Amino acid sequence: GVDFMVDVFRRVNLDIMKSESLRQFMSQDPAYALRVLTSNDSTIHARAVALNTELLQQEVKARRIKPPLSVESLSYFMVRLGESCIYSEMISGMKPDVRQLEEACIAIRILLGGK
């Protein structure tokens, strides 16, 4: 359901935010790292969207969620919200912040049609 999806979003993105090896990779060449990690042509981005889409489809099929927009669009938006938290330093110069991730969780809840 909605709570499950929000929890998965929170846990996955928090784990990624805490990854020291990812931070090291991003610090070596931020522009290259951002392109590799977030480009629409990126295998990493595409796999994240595909996995998230699959999870959303399972929840819809089980009738635990009924999102107000297409699963594909929702999945893409969820991944982009997560990326905005994880890569905030490269995108906007702001350090990744757990509070920002919690606000993204609220947005995900709304996108999923929850309250």
PDB file of N, CA and C in Angstrom:
ATOM      1  N   GLY A   1       0.800  -1.174   0.000  1.00  0.00           N
ATOM      2  CA  GLY A   1       0.000   0.000   0.000  1.00  0.00           C
ATOM      3  C   GLY A   1       0.861   1.263   0.000  1.00  0.00           C
ATOM      4  N   VAL A   2       0.219   2.367   0.270  1.00  0.00           N
ATOM      5  CA  VAL A   2       0.903   3.665   0.271  1.00  0.00           C
ATOM      6  C   VAL A   2       2.026   3.677   1.304  1.00  0.00           C
ATOM      7  N   ASP A   3       1.738   3.215   2.517  1.00  0.00           N
ATOM      8  CA  ASP A   3       2.766   3.210   3.562  1.00  0.00           C
ATOM      9  C   ASP A   3       3.971   2.370   3.149  1.00  0.00           C
ATOM     10  N   PHE A   4       3.707   1.220   2.552  1.00  0.00           N
ATOM     11  CA  PHE A   4       4.783   0.342   2.083  1.00  0.00           C
ATOM     12  C   PHE A   4       5.642   1.046   1.039  1.00  0.00           C
ATOM     13  N   MET A   5       5.009   1.665   0.051  1.00  0.00           N
ATOM     14  CA  MET A   5       5.756   2.335  -1.011  1.00  0.00           C
ATOM     15  C   MET A   5       6.576   3.509  -0.470  1.00  0.00           C
ATOM     16  N   VAL A   6       6.001   4.274   0.433  1.00  0.00           N
ATOM     17  CA  VAL A   6       6.733   5.393   1.035  1.00  0.00           C
ATOM     18  C   VAL A   6       7.921   4.863   1.835  1.00  0.00           C
ATOM     19  N   ASP A   7       7.721   3.770   2.555  1.00  0.00           N
ATOM     20  CA  ASP A   7       8.813   3.187   3.344  1.00  0.00           C
ATOM     21  C   ASP A   7       9.933   2.680   2.437  1.00  0.00           C
ATOM     22  N   VAL A   8       9.594   2.036   1.351  1.00  0.00           N
ATOM     23  CA  VAL A   8      10.613   1.572   0.396  1.00  0.00           C
ATOM     24  C   VAL A   8      11.365   2.767  -0.170  1.00  0.00           C
ATOM     25  N   PHE A   9      10.639   3.799  -0.574  1.00  0.00           N
ATOM     26  CA  PHE A   9      11.260   5.014  -1.102  1.00  0.00           C
ATOM     27  C   PHE A   9      12.246   5.592  -0.076  1.00  0.00           C
ATOM     28  N   ARG A  10      11.795   5.717   1.157  1.00  0.00           N
ATOM     29  CA  ARG A  10      12.632   6.290   2.222  1.00  0.00           C
ATOM     30  C   ARG A  10      13.891   5.450   2.430  1.00  0.00           C
ATOM     31  N   ARG A  11      13.713   4.145   2.607  1.00  0.00           N
ATOM     32  CA  ARG A  11      14.849   3.263   2.914  1.00  0.00           C
ATOM     33  C   ARG A  11      15.871   3.220   1.785  1.00  0.00           C
ATOM     34  N   VAL A  12      15.403   3.052   0.569  1.00  0.00           N
ATOM     35  CA  VAL A  12      16.316   2.961  -0.566  1.00  0.00           C
ATOM     36  C   VAL A  12      17.099   4.256  -0.722  1.00  0.00           C
ATOM     37  N   ASN A  13      16.402   5.374  -0.696  1.00  0.00           N
ATOM     38  CA  ASN A  13      17.085   6.647  -0.906  1.00  0.00           C
ATOM     39  C   ASN A  13      17.995   7.008   0.259  1.00  0.00           C
ATOM     40  N   LEU A  14      17.614   6.662   1.469  1.00  0.00           N
ATOM     41  CA  LEU A  14      18.474   6.913   2.628  1.00  0.00           C
ATOM     42  C   LEU A  14      19.750   6.079   2.535  1.00  0.00           C
ATOM     43  N   ASP A  15      19.613   4.815   2.152  1.00  0.00           N
ATOM     44  CA  ASP A  15      20.797   3.966   1.986  1.00  0.00           C
ATOM     45  C   ASP A  15      21.731   4.523   0.922  1.00  0.00           C
ATOM     46  N   ILE A  16      21.164   4.979  -0.182  1.00  0.00           N
ATOM     47  CA  ILE A  16      21.990   5.556  -1.250  1.00  0.00           C
ATOM     48  C   ILE A  16      22.658   6.837  -0.762  1.00  0.00           C
ATOM     49  N   MET A  17      21.909   7.676  -0.046  1.00  0.00           N
ATOM     50  CA  MET A  17      22.469   8.924   0.478  1.00  0.00           C
ATOM     51  C   MET A  17      23.660   8.663   1.396  1.00  0.00           C
ATOM     52  N   LYS A  18      23.648   7.561   2.128  1.00  0.00           N
ATOM     53  CA  LYS A  18      24.692   7.235   3.092  1.00  0.00           C
ATOM     54  C   LYS A  18      25.894   6.519   2.478  1.00  0.00           C
ATOM     55  N   SER A  19      25.824   6.185   1.198  1.00  0.00           N
ATOM     56  CA  SER A  19      26.883   5.411   0.559  1.00  0.00           C
ATOM     57  C   SER A  19      28.165   6.234   0.400  1.00  0.00           C
ATOM     58  N   GLU A  20      29.194   5.819   1.118  1.00  0.00           N
ATOM     59  CA  GLU A  20      30.481   6.511   1.035  1.00  0.00           C
ATOM     60  C   GLU A  20      31.124   6.339  -0.338  1.00  0.00           C
ATOM     61  N   SER A  21      31.020   5.161  -0.919  1.00  0.00           N
ATOM     62  CA  SER A  21      31.629   4.939  -2.236  1.00  0.00           C
ATOM     63  C   SER A  21      30.947   5.799  -3.296  1.00  0.00           C
ATOM     64  N   LEU A  22      29.651   5.987  -3.188  1.00  0.00           N
ATOM     65  CA  LEU A  22      28.945   6.855  -4.128  1.00  0.00           C
ATOM     66  C   LEU A  22      29.397   8.299  -3.940  1.00  0.00           C
ATOM     67  N   ARG A  23      29.515   8.742  -2.702  1.00  0.00           N
ATOM     68  CA  ARG A  23      29.977  10.109  -2.415  1.00  0.00           C
ATOM     69  C   ARG A  23      31.372  10.333  -2.999  1.00  0.00           C
ATOM     70  N   GLN A  24      32.229   9.326  -2.857  1.00  0.00           N
ATOM     71  CA  GLN A  24      33.592   9.443  -3.396  1.00  0.00           C
ATOM     72  C   GLN A  24      33.550   9.554  -4.920  1.00  0.00           C
ATOM     73  N   PHE A  25      32.749   8.713  -5.557  1.00  0.00           N
ATOM     74  CA  PHE A  25      32.604   8.773  -7.016  1.00  0.00           C
ATOM     75  C   PHE A  25      32.111  10.147  -7.456  1.00  0.00           C
ATOM     76  N   MET A  26      31.115  10.674  -6.758  1.00  0.00           N
ATOM     77  CA  MET A  26      30.542  11.970  -7.133  1.00  0.00           C
ATOM     78  C   MET A  26      31.528  13.114  -6.900  1.00  0.00           C
ATOM     79  N   SER A  27      32.388  12.985  -5.915  1.00  0.00           N
ATOM     80  CA  SER A  27      33.330  14.070  -5.634  1.00  0.00           C
ATOM     81  C   SER A  27      34.474  14.134  -6.642  1.00  0.00           C
ATOM     82  N   GLN A  28      34.771  13.022  -7.305  1.00  0.00           N
ATOM     83  CA  GLN A  28      35.896  12.980  -8.247  1.00  0.00           C
ATOM     84  C   GLN A  28      35.605  13.778  -9.520  1.00  0.00           C
ATOM     85  N   ASP A  29      34.422  13.658 -10.043  1.00  0.00           N
ATOM     86  CA  ASP A  29      34.034  14.397 -11.251  1.00  0.00           C
ATOM     87  C   ASP A  29      32.514  14.561 -11.219  1.00  0.00           C
ATOM     88  N   PRO A  30      32.022  15.584 -10.506  1.00  0.00           N
ATOM     89  CA  PRO A  30      30.572  15.736 -10.303  1.00  0.00           C
ATOM     90  C   PRO A  30      29.744  15.772 -11.588  1.00  0.00           C
ATOM     91  N   ALA A  31      30.211  16.462 -12.605  1.00  0.00           N
ATOM     92  CA  ALA A  31      29.431  16.559 -13.847  1.00  0.00           C
ATOM     93  C   ALA A  31      29.291  15.183 -14.509  1.00  0.00           C
ATOM     94  N   TYR A  32      30.388  14.450 -14.551  1.00  0.00           N
ATOM     95  CA  TYR A  32      30.359  13.107 -15.133  1.00  0.00           C
ATOM     96  C   TYR A  32      29.458  12.193 -14.299  1.00  0.00           C
ATOM     97  N   ALA A  33      29.617  12.247 -12.978  1.00  0.00           N
ATOM     98  CA  ALA A  33      28.820  11.398 -12.088  1.00  0.00           C
ATOM     99  C   ALA A  33      27.333  11.684 -12.252  1.00  0.00           C
ATOM    100  N   LEU A  34      26.983  12.949 -12.304  1.00  0.00           N
ATOM    101  CA  LEU A  34      25.576  13.320 -12.459  1.00  0.00           C
ATOM    102  C   LEU A  34      25.018  12.783 -13.775  1.00  0.00           C
ATOM    103  N   ARG A  35      25.815  12.879 -14.836  1.00  0.00           N
ATOM    104  CA  ARG A  35      25.380  12.377 -16.143  1.00  0.00           C
ATOM    105  C   ARG A  35      25.208  10.861 -16.103  1.00  0.00           C
ATOM    106  N   VAL A  36      26.160  10.165 -15.507  1.00  0.00           N
ATOM    107  CA  VAL A  36      26.105   8.703 -15.438  1.00  0.00           C
ATOM    108  C   VAL A  36      24.933   8.238 -14.573  1.00  0.00           C
ATOM    109  N   LEU A  37      24.683   8.942 -13.491  1.00  0.00           N
ATOM    110  CA  LEU A  37      23.682   8.495 -12.520  1.00  0.00           C
ATOM    111  C   LEU A  37      22.253   8.911 -12.846  1.00  0.00           C
ATOM    112  N   THR A  38      22.073  10.058 -13.514  1.00  0.00           N
ATOM    113  CA  THR A  38      20.712  10.596 -13.631  1.00  0.00           C
ATOM    114  C   THR A  38      20.215  10.848 -15.047  1.00  0.00           C
ATOM    115  N   SER A  39      21.059  10.728 -16.031  1.00  0.00           N
ATOM    116  CA  SER A  39      20.631  10.985 -17.406  1.00  0.00           C
ATOM    117  C   SER A  39      19.525  10.017 -17.815  1.00  0.00           C
ATOM    118  N   ASN A  40      18.605  10.495 -18.642  1.00  0.00           N
ATOM    119  CA  ASN A  40      17.552   9.604 -19.155  1.00  0.00           C
ATOM    120  C   ASN A  40      18.140   8.447 -19.943  1.00  0.00           C
ATOM    121  N   ASP A  41      19.354   8.612 -20.450  1.00  0.00           N
ATOM    122  CA  ASP A  41      20.027   7.550 -21.192  1.00  0.00           C
ATOM    123  C   ASP A  41      20.826   6.616 -20.285  1.00  0.00           C
ATOM    124  N   SER A  42      20.881   6.941 -19.000  1.00  0.00           N
ATOM    125  CA  SER A  42      21.671   6.180 -18.042  1.00  0.00           C
ATOM    126  C   SER A  42      21.028   4.838 -17.730  1.00  0.00           C
ATOM    127  N   THR A  43      21.837   3.805 -17.730  1.00  0.00           N
ATOM    128  CA  THR A  43      21.370   2.479 -17.343  1.00  0.00           C
ATOM    129  C   THR A  43      20.913   2.488 -15.892  1.00  0.00           C
ATOM    130  N   ILE A  44      21.629   3.223 -15.050  1.00  0.00           N
ATOM    131  CA  ILE A  44      21.291   3.279 -13.630  1.00  0.00           C
ATOM    132  C   ILE A  44      19.915   3.905 -13.438  1.00  0.00           C
ATOM    133  N   HIS A  45      19.695   5.041 -14.076  1.00  0.00           N
ATOM    134  CA  HIS A  45      18.396   5.712 -13.971  1.00  0.00           C
ATOM    135  C   HIS A  45      17.283   4.826 -14.539  1.00  0.00           C
ATOM    136  N   ALA A  46      17.526   4.257 -15.706  1.00  0.00           N
ATOM    137  CA  ALA A  46      16.513   3.413 -16.353  1.00  0.00           C
ATOM    138  C   ALA A  46      16.164   2.207 -15.490  1.00  0.00           C
ATOM    139  N   ARG A  47      17.158   1.588 -14.866  1.00  0.00           N
ATOM    140  CA  ARG A  47      16.888   0.429 -14.002  1.00  0.00           C
ATOM    141  C   ARG A  47      16.118   0.840 -12.758  1.00  0.00           C
ATOM    142  N   ALA A  48      16.447   2.004 -12.216  1.00  0.00           N
ATOM    143  CA  ALA A  48      15.717   2.490 -11.032  1.00  0.00           C
ATOM    144  C   ALA A  48      14.246   2.695 -11.372  1.00  0.00           C
ATOM    145  N   VAL A  49      13.984   3.306 -12.506  1.00  0.00           N
ATOM    146  CA  VAL A  49      12.596   3.537 -12.926  1.00  0.00           C
ATOM    147  C   VAL A  49      11.895   2.197 -13.183  1.00  0.00           C
ATOM    148  N   ALA A  50      12.584   1.274 -13.857  1.00  0.00           N
ATOM    149  CA  ALA A  50      11.986  -0.030 -14.165  1.00  0.00           C
ATOM    150  C   ALA A  50      11.661  -0.811 -12.894  1.00  0.00           C
ATOM    151  N   LEU A  51      12.574  -0.838 -11.948  1.00  0.00           N
ATOM    152  CA  LEU A  51      12.326  -1.559 -10.696  1.00  0.00           C
ATOM    153  C   LEU A  51      11.193  -0.917  -9.905  1.00  0.00           C
ATOM    154  N   ASN A  52      11.189   0.396  -9.865  1.00  0.00           N
ATOM    155  CA  ASN A  52      10.126   1.106  -9.150  1.00  0.00           C
ATOM    156  C   ASN A  52       8.772   0.864  -9.832  1.00  0.00           C
ATOM    157  N   THR A  53       8.761   0.869 -11.159  1.00  0.00           N
ATOM    158  CA  THR A  53       7.534   0.603 -11.917  1.00  0.00           C
ATOM    159  C   THR A  53       7.007  -0.791 -11.599  1.00  0.00           C
ATOM    160  N   GLU A  54       7.897  -1.753 -11.554  1.00  0.00           N
ATOM    161  CA  GLU A  54       7.501  -3.133 -11.251  1.00  0.00           C
ATOM    162  C   GLU A  54       6.872  -3.229  -9.855  1.00  0.00           C
ATOM    163  N   LEU A  55       7.485  -2.580  -8.892  1.00  0.00           N
ATOM    164  CA  LEU A  55       6.949  -2.597  -7.530  1.00  0.00           C
ATOM    165  C   LEU A  55       5.581  -1.921  -7.465  1.00  0.00           C
ATOM    166  N   LEU A  56       5.455  -0.774  -8.135  1.00  0.00           N
ATOM    167  CA  LEU A  56       4.167  -0.080  -8.175  1.00  0.00           C
ATOM    168  C   LEU A  56       3.094  -0.945  -8.838  1.00  0.00           C
ATOM    169  N   GLN A  57       3.449  -1.610  -9.935  1.00  0.00           N
ATOM    170  CA  GLN A  57       2.488  -2.464 -10.630  1.00  0.00           C
ATOM    171  C   GLN A  57       2.015  -3.611  -9.740  1.00  0.00           C
ATOM    172  N   GLN A  58       2.920  -4.161  -8.937  1.00  0.00           N
ATOM    173  CA  GLN A  58       2.531  -5.222  -8.001  1.00  0.00           C
ATOM    174  C   GLN A  58       1.525  -4.698  -6.971  1.00  0.00           C
ATOM    175  N   GLU A  59       1.763  -3.491  -6.485  1.00  0.00           N
ATOM    176  CA  GLU A  59       0.860  -2.905  -5.494  1.00  0.00           C
ATOM    177  C   GLU A  59      -0.502  -2.565  -6.108  1.00  0.00           C
ATOM    178  N   VAL A  60      -0.494  -2.096  -7.352  1.00  0.00           N
ATOM    179  CA  VAL A  60      -1.757  -1.798  -8.052  1.00  0.00           C
ATOM    180  C   VAL A  60      -2.514  -3.098  -8.317  1.00  0.00           C
ATOM    181  N   LYS A  61      -1.808  -4.106  -8.811  1.00  0.00           N
ATOM    182  CA  LYS A  61      -2.442  -5.388  -9.114  1.00  0.00           C
ATOM    183  C   LYS A  61      -3.058  -6.013  -7.863  1.00  0.00           C
ATOM    184  N   ALA A  62      -2.389  -5.844  -6.725  1.00  0.00           N
ATOM    185  CA  ALA A  62      -2.898  -6.377  -5.459  1.00  0.00           C
ATOM    186  C   ALA A  62      -3.976  -5.472  -4.858  1.00  0.00           C
ATOM    187  N   ARG A  63      -4.267  -4.372  -5.538  1.00  0.00           N
ATOM    188  CA  ARG A  63      -5.289  -3.403  -5.117  1.00  0.00           C
ATOM    189  C   ARG A  63      -4.969  -2.727  -3.775  1.00  0.00           C
ATOM    190  N   ARG A  64      -3.659  -2.601  -3.518  1.00  0.00           N
ATOM    191  CA  ARG A  64      -3.252  -1.912  -2.294  1.00  0.00           C
ATOM    192  C   ARG A  64      -3.057  -0.417  -2.521  1.00  0.00           C
ATOM    193  N   ILE A  65      -2.883  -0.043  -3.796  1.00  0.00           N
ATOM    194  CA  ILE A  65      -2.835   1.376  -4.139  1.00  0.00           C
ATOM    195  C   ILE A  65      -3.620   1.596  -5.430  1.00  0.00           C
ATOM    196  N   LYS A  66      -4.131   2.796  -5.567  1.00  0.00           N
ATOM    197  CA  LYS A  66      -4.811   3.200  -6.787  1.00  0.00           C
ATOM    198  C   LYS A  66      -4.329   4.623  -7.093  1.00  0.00           C
ATOM    199  N   PRO A  67      -3.143   4.729  -7.715  1.00  0.00           N
ATOM    200  CA  PRO A  67      -2.564   6.054  -7.946  1.00  0.00           C
ATOM    201  C   PRO A  67      -3.399   6.874  -8.924  1.00  0.00           C
ATOM    202  N   PRO A  68      -3.416   8.194  -8.715  1.00  0.00           N
ATOM    203  CA  PRO A  68      -4.211   9.071  -9.567  1.00  0.00           C
ATOM    204  C   PRO A  68      -3.551   9.401 -10.910  1.00  0.00           C
ATOM    205  N   LEU A  69      -2.388   8.832 -11.192  1.00  0.00           N
ATOM    206  CA  LEU A  69      -1.734   9.020 -12.484  1.00  0.00           C
ATOM    207  C   LEU A  69      -1.138   7.697 -12.919  1.00  0.00           C
ATOM    208  N   SER A  70      -0.637   7.639 -14.129  1.00  0.00           N
ATOM    209  CA  SER A  70      -0.128   6.373 -14.651  1.00  0.00           C
ATOM    210  C   SER A  70       1.055   5.887 -13.820  1.00  0.00           C
ATOM    211  N   VAL A  71       1.176   4.568 -13.721  1.00  0.00           N
ATOM    212  CA  VAL A  71       2.270   3.962 -12.964  1.00  0.00           C
ATOM    213  C   VAL A  71       3.617   4.377 -13.546  1.00  0.00           C
ATOM    214  N   GLU A  72       3.703   4.460 -14.848  1.00  0.00           N
ATOM    215  CA  GLU A  72       4.966   4.828 -15.494  1.00  0.00           C
ATOM    216  C   GLU A  72       5.372   6.260 -15.132  1.00  0.00           C
ATOM    217  N   SER A  73       4.431   7.191 -15.210  1.00  0.00           N
ATOM    218  CA  SER A  73       4.727   8.576 -14.835  1.00  0.00           C
ATOM    219  C   SER A  73       5.056   8.680 -13.357  1.00  0.00           C
ATOM    220  N   LEU A  74       4.278   8.010 -12.545  1.00  0.00           N
ATOM    221  CA  LEU A  74       4.498   8.035 -11.106  1.00  0.00           C
ATOM    222  C   LEU A  74       5.889   7.506 -10.770  1.00  0.00           C
ATOM    223  N   SER A  75       6.264   6.406 -11.384  1.00  0.00           N
ATOM    224  CA  SER A  75       7.575   5.821 -11.136  1.00  0.00           C
ATOM    225  C   SER A  75       8.690   6.793 -11.502  1.00  0.00           C
ATOM    226  N   TYR A  76       8.572   7.411 -12.658  1.00  0.00           N
ATOM    227  CA  TYR A  76       9.575   8.383 -13.111  1.00  0.00           C
ATOM    228  C   TYR A  76       9.678   9.542 -12.117  1.00  0.00           C
ATOM    229  N   PHE A  77       8.548  10.079 -11.704  1.00  0.00           N
ATOM    230  CA  PHE A  77       8.550  11.207 -10.761  1.00  0.00           C
ATOM    231  C   PHE A  77       9.155  10.807  -9.418  1.00  0.00           C
ATOM    232  N   MET A  78       8.837   9.598  -8.963  1.00  0.00           N
ATOM    233  CA  MET A  78       9.396   9.123  -7.693  1.00  0.00           C
ATOM    234  C   MET A  78      10.914   9.023  -7.763  1.00  0.00           C
ATOM    235  N   VAL A  79      11.411   8.468  -8.840  1.00  0.00           N
ATOM    236  CA  VAL A  79      12.870   8.331  -8.996  1.00  0.00           C
ATOM    237  C   VAL A  79      13.512   9.711  -9.061  1.00  0.00           C
ATOM    238  N   ARG A  80      12.912  10.630  -9.793  1.00  0.00           N
ATOM    239  CA  ARG A  80      13.468  11.986  -9.889  1.00  0.00           C
ATOM    240  C   ARG A  80      13.442  12.702  -8.534  1.00  0.00           C
ATOM    241  N   LEU A  81      12.400  12.501  -7.756  1.00  0.00           N
ATOM    242  CA  LEU A  81      12.364  13.089  -6.414  1.00  0.00           C
ATOM    243  C   LEU A  81      13.495  12.527  -5.559  1.00  0.00           C
ATOM    244  N   GLY A  82      13.685  11.235  -5.628  1.00  0.00           N
ATOM    245  CA  GLY A  82      14.779  10.618  -4.880  1.00  0.00           C
ATOM    246  C   GLY A  82      16.126  11.155  -5.332  1.00  0.00           C
ATOM    247  N   GLU A  83      16.306  11.270  -6.637  1.00  0.00           N
ATOM    248  CA  GLU A  83      17.567  11.807  -7.166  1.00  0.00           C
ATOM    249  C   GLU A  83      17.799  13.237  -6.696  1.00  0.00           C
ATOM    250  N   SER A  84      16.743  14.016  -6.617  1.00  0.00           N
ATOM    251  CA  SER A  84      16.907  15.405  -6.179  1.00  0.00           C
ATOM    252  C   SER A  84      17.410  15.471  -4.743  1.00  0.00           C
ATOM    253  N   CYS A  85      17.073  14.491  -3.932  1.00  0.00           N
ATOM    254  CA  CYS A  85      17.578  14.429  -2.552  1.00  0.00           C
ATOM    255  C   CYS A  85      19.008  13.882  -2.512  1.00  0.00           C
ATOM    256  N   ILE A  86      19.228  12.797  -3.208  1.00  0.00           N
ATOM    257  CA  ILE A  86      20.531  12.126  -3.190  1.00  0.00           C
ATOM    258  C   ILE A  86      21.627  13.006  -3.785  1.00  0.00           C
ATOM    259  N   TYR A  87      21.327  13.631  -4.909  1.00  0.00           N
ATOM    260  CA  TYR A  87      22.335  14.382  -5.657  1.00  0.00           C
ATOM    261  C   TYR A  87      22.176  15.888  -5.491  1.00  0.00           C
ATOM    262  N   SER A  88      21.549  16.309  -4.415  1.00  0.00           N
ATOM    263  CA  SER A  88      21.268  17.739  -4.223  1.00  0.00           C
ATOM    264  C   SER A  88      22.522  18.596  -4.229  1.00  0.00           C
ATOM    265  N   GLU A  89      23.624  18.047  -3.757  1.00  0.00           N
ATOM    266  CA  GLU A  89      24.863  18.824  -3.735  1.00  0.00           C
ATOM    267  C   GLU A  89      25.342  19.143  -5.148  1.00  0.00           C
ATOM    268  N   MET A  90      25.224  18.180  -6.047  1.00  0.00           N
ATOM    269  CA  MET A  90      25.659  18.401  -7.434  1.00  0.00           C
ATOM    270  C   MET A  90      24.645  19.237  -8.210  1.00  0.00           C
ATOM    271  N   ILE A  91      23.372  19.106  -7.869  1.00  0.00           N
ATOM    272  CA  ILE A  91      22.322  19.815  -8.595  1.00  0.00           C
ATOM    273  C   ILE A  91      22.207  21.262  -8.135  1.00  0.00           C
ATOM    274  N   SER A  92      22.191  21.467  -6.813  1.00  0.00           N
ATOM    275  CA  SER A  92      21.905  22.811  -6.295  1.00  0.00           C
ATOM    276  C   SER A  92      22.945  23.338  -5.310  1.00  0.00           C
ATOM    277  N   GLY A  93      23.957  22.535  -5.017  1.00  0.00           N
ATOM    278  CA  GLY A  93      24.971  22.963  -4.075  1.00  0.00           C
ATOM    279  C   GLY A  93      24.591  22.756  -2.622  1.00  0.00           C
ATOM    280  N   MET A  94      23.422  22.165  -2.368  1.00  0.00           N
ATOM    281  CA  MET A  94      22.977  21.905  -0.991  1.00  0.00           C
ATOM    282  C   MET A  94      23.395  20.490  -0.585  1.00  0.00           C
ATOM    283  N   LYS A  95      23.895  20.353   0.626  1.00  0.00           N
ATOM    284  CA  LYS A  95      24.261  19.027   1.139  1.00  0.00           C
ATOM    285  C   LYS A  95      23.014  18.154   1.240  1.00  0.00           C
ATOM    286  N   PRO A  96      23.143  16.857   0.940  1.00  0.00           N
ATOM    287  CA  PRO A  96      22.008  15.955   1.120  1.00  0.00           C
ATOM    288  C   PRO A  96      21.525  16.022   2.567  1.00  0.00           C
ATOM    289  N   ASP A  97      20.218  16.058   2.726  1.00  0.00           N
ATOM    290  CA  ASP A  97      19.624  16.289   4.037  1.00  0.00           C
ATOM    291  C   ASP A  97      18.465  15.321   4.238  1.00  0.00           C
ATOM    292  N   VAL A  98      18.473  14.613   5.360  1.00  0.00           N
ATOM    293  CA  VAL A  98      17.412  13.651   5.666  1.00  0.00           C
ATOM    294  C   VAL A  98      16.064  14.352   5.768  1.00  0.00           C
ATOM    295  N   ARG A  99      16.049  15.596   6.247  1.00  0.00           N
ATOM    296  CA  ARG A  99      14.771  16.331   6.332  1.00  0.00           C
ATOM    297  C   ARG A  99      14.179  16.544   4.940  1.00  0.00           C
ATOM    298  N   GLN A 100      15.036  16.814   3.965  1.00  0.00           N
ATOM    299  CA  GLN A 100      14.559  16.972   2.592  1.00  0.00           C
ATOM    300  C   GLN A 100      13.978  15.649   2.086  1.00  0.00           C
ATOM    301  N   LEU A 101      14.626  14.546   2.437  1.00  0.00           N
ATOM    302  CA  LEU A 101      14.115  13.234   2.057  1.00  0.00           C
ATOM    303  C   LEU A 101      12.750  12.984   2.695  1.00  0.00           C
ATOM    304  N   GLU A 102      12.573  13.389   3.937  1.00  0.00           N
ATOM    305  CA  GLU A 102      11.271  13.220   4.601  1.00  0.00           C
ATOM    306  C   GLU A 102      10.185  14.047   3.906  1.00  0.00           C
ATOM    307  N   GLU A 103      10.546  15.235   3.449  1.00  0.00           N
ATOM    308  CA  GLU A 103       9.586  16.047   2.697  1.00  0.00           C
ATOM    309  C   GLU A 103       9.258  15.388   1.359  1.00  0.00           C
ATOM    310  N   ALA A 104      10.266  14.769   0.742  1.00  0.00           N
ATOM    311  CA  ALA A 104      10.018  14.034  -0.499  1.00  0.00           C
ATOM    312  C   ALA A 104       9.076  12.861  -0.239  1.00  0.00           C
ATOM    313  N   CYS A 105       9.187  12.243   0.925  1.00  0.00           N
ATOM    314  CA  CYS A 105       8.276  11.144   1.293  1.00  0.00           C
ATOM    315  C   CYS A 105       6.835  11.640   1.374  1.00  0.00           C
ATOM    316  N   ILE A 106       6.643  12.835   1.880  1.00  0.00           N
ATOM    317  CA  ILE A 106       5.298  13.423   1.923  1.00  0.00           C
ATOM    318  C   ILE A 106       4.778  13.616   0.497  1.00  0.00           C
ATOM    319  N   ALA A 107       5.642  14.099  -0.380  1.00  0.00           N
ATOM    320  CA  ALA A 107       5.242  14.291  -1.778  1.00  0.00           C
ATOM    321  C   ALA A 107       4.897  12.955  -2.439  1.00  0.00           C
ATOM    322  N   ILE A 108       5.679  11.923  -2.140  1.00  0.00           N
ATOM    323  CA  ILE A 108       5.406  10.595  -2.693  1.00  0.00           C
ATOM    324  C   ILE A 108       4.048  10.083  -2.206  1.00  0.00           C
ATOM    325  N   ARG A 109       3.775  10.278  -0.934  1.00  0.00           N
ATOM    326  CA  ARG A 109       2.481   9.872  -0.364  1.00  0.00           C
ATOM    327  C   ARG A 109       1.330  10.544  -1.142  1.00  0.00           C
ATOM    328  N   ILE A 110       1.484  11.838  -1.409  1.00  0.00           N
ATOM    329  CA  ILE A 110       0.454  12.573  -2.141  1.00  0.00           C
ATOM    330  C   ILE A 110       0.338  12.036  -3.572  1.00  0.00           C
ATOM    331  N   LEU A 111       1.487  11.820  -4.227  1.00  0.00           N
ATOM    332  CA  LEU A 111       1.464  11.289  -5.598  1.00  0.00           C
ATOM    333  C   LEU A 111       0.816   9.910  -5.662  1.00  0.00           C
ATOM    334  N   LEU A 112       0.949   9.141  -4.596  1.00  0.00           N
ATOM    335  CA  LEU A 112       0.344   7.809  -4.552  1.00  0.00           C
ATOM    336  C   LEU A 112      -1.147   7.852  -4.242  1.00  0.00           C
ATOM    337  N   GLY A 113      -1.649   9.043  -3.948  1.00  0.00           N
ATOM    338  CA  GLY A 113      -3.069   9.178  -3.635  1.00  0.00           C
ATOM    339  C   GLY A 113      -3.378   8.994  -2.167  1.00  0.00           C
ATOM    340  N   GLY A 114      -2.330   8.977  -1.330  1.00  0.00           N
ATOM    341  CA  GLY A 114      -2.518   8.823   0.119  1.00  0.00           C
ATOM    342  C   GLY A 114      -2.696  10.169   0.792  1.00  0.00           C
ATOM    343  N   LYS A 115      -2.880  10.109   2.092  1.00  0.00           N
ATOM    344  CA  LYS A 115      -3.074  11.341   2.859  1.00  0.00           C
ATOM    345  C   LYS A 115      -1.969  11.512   3.862  1.00  0.00           C
TER     346      LYS A 115
END
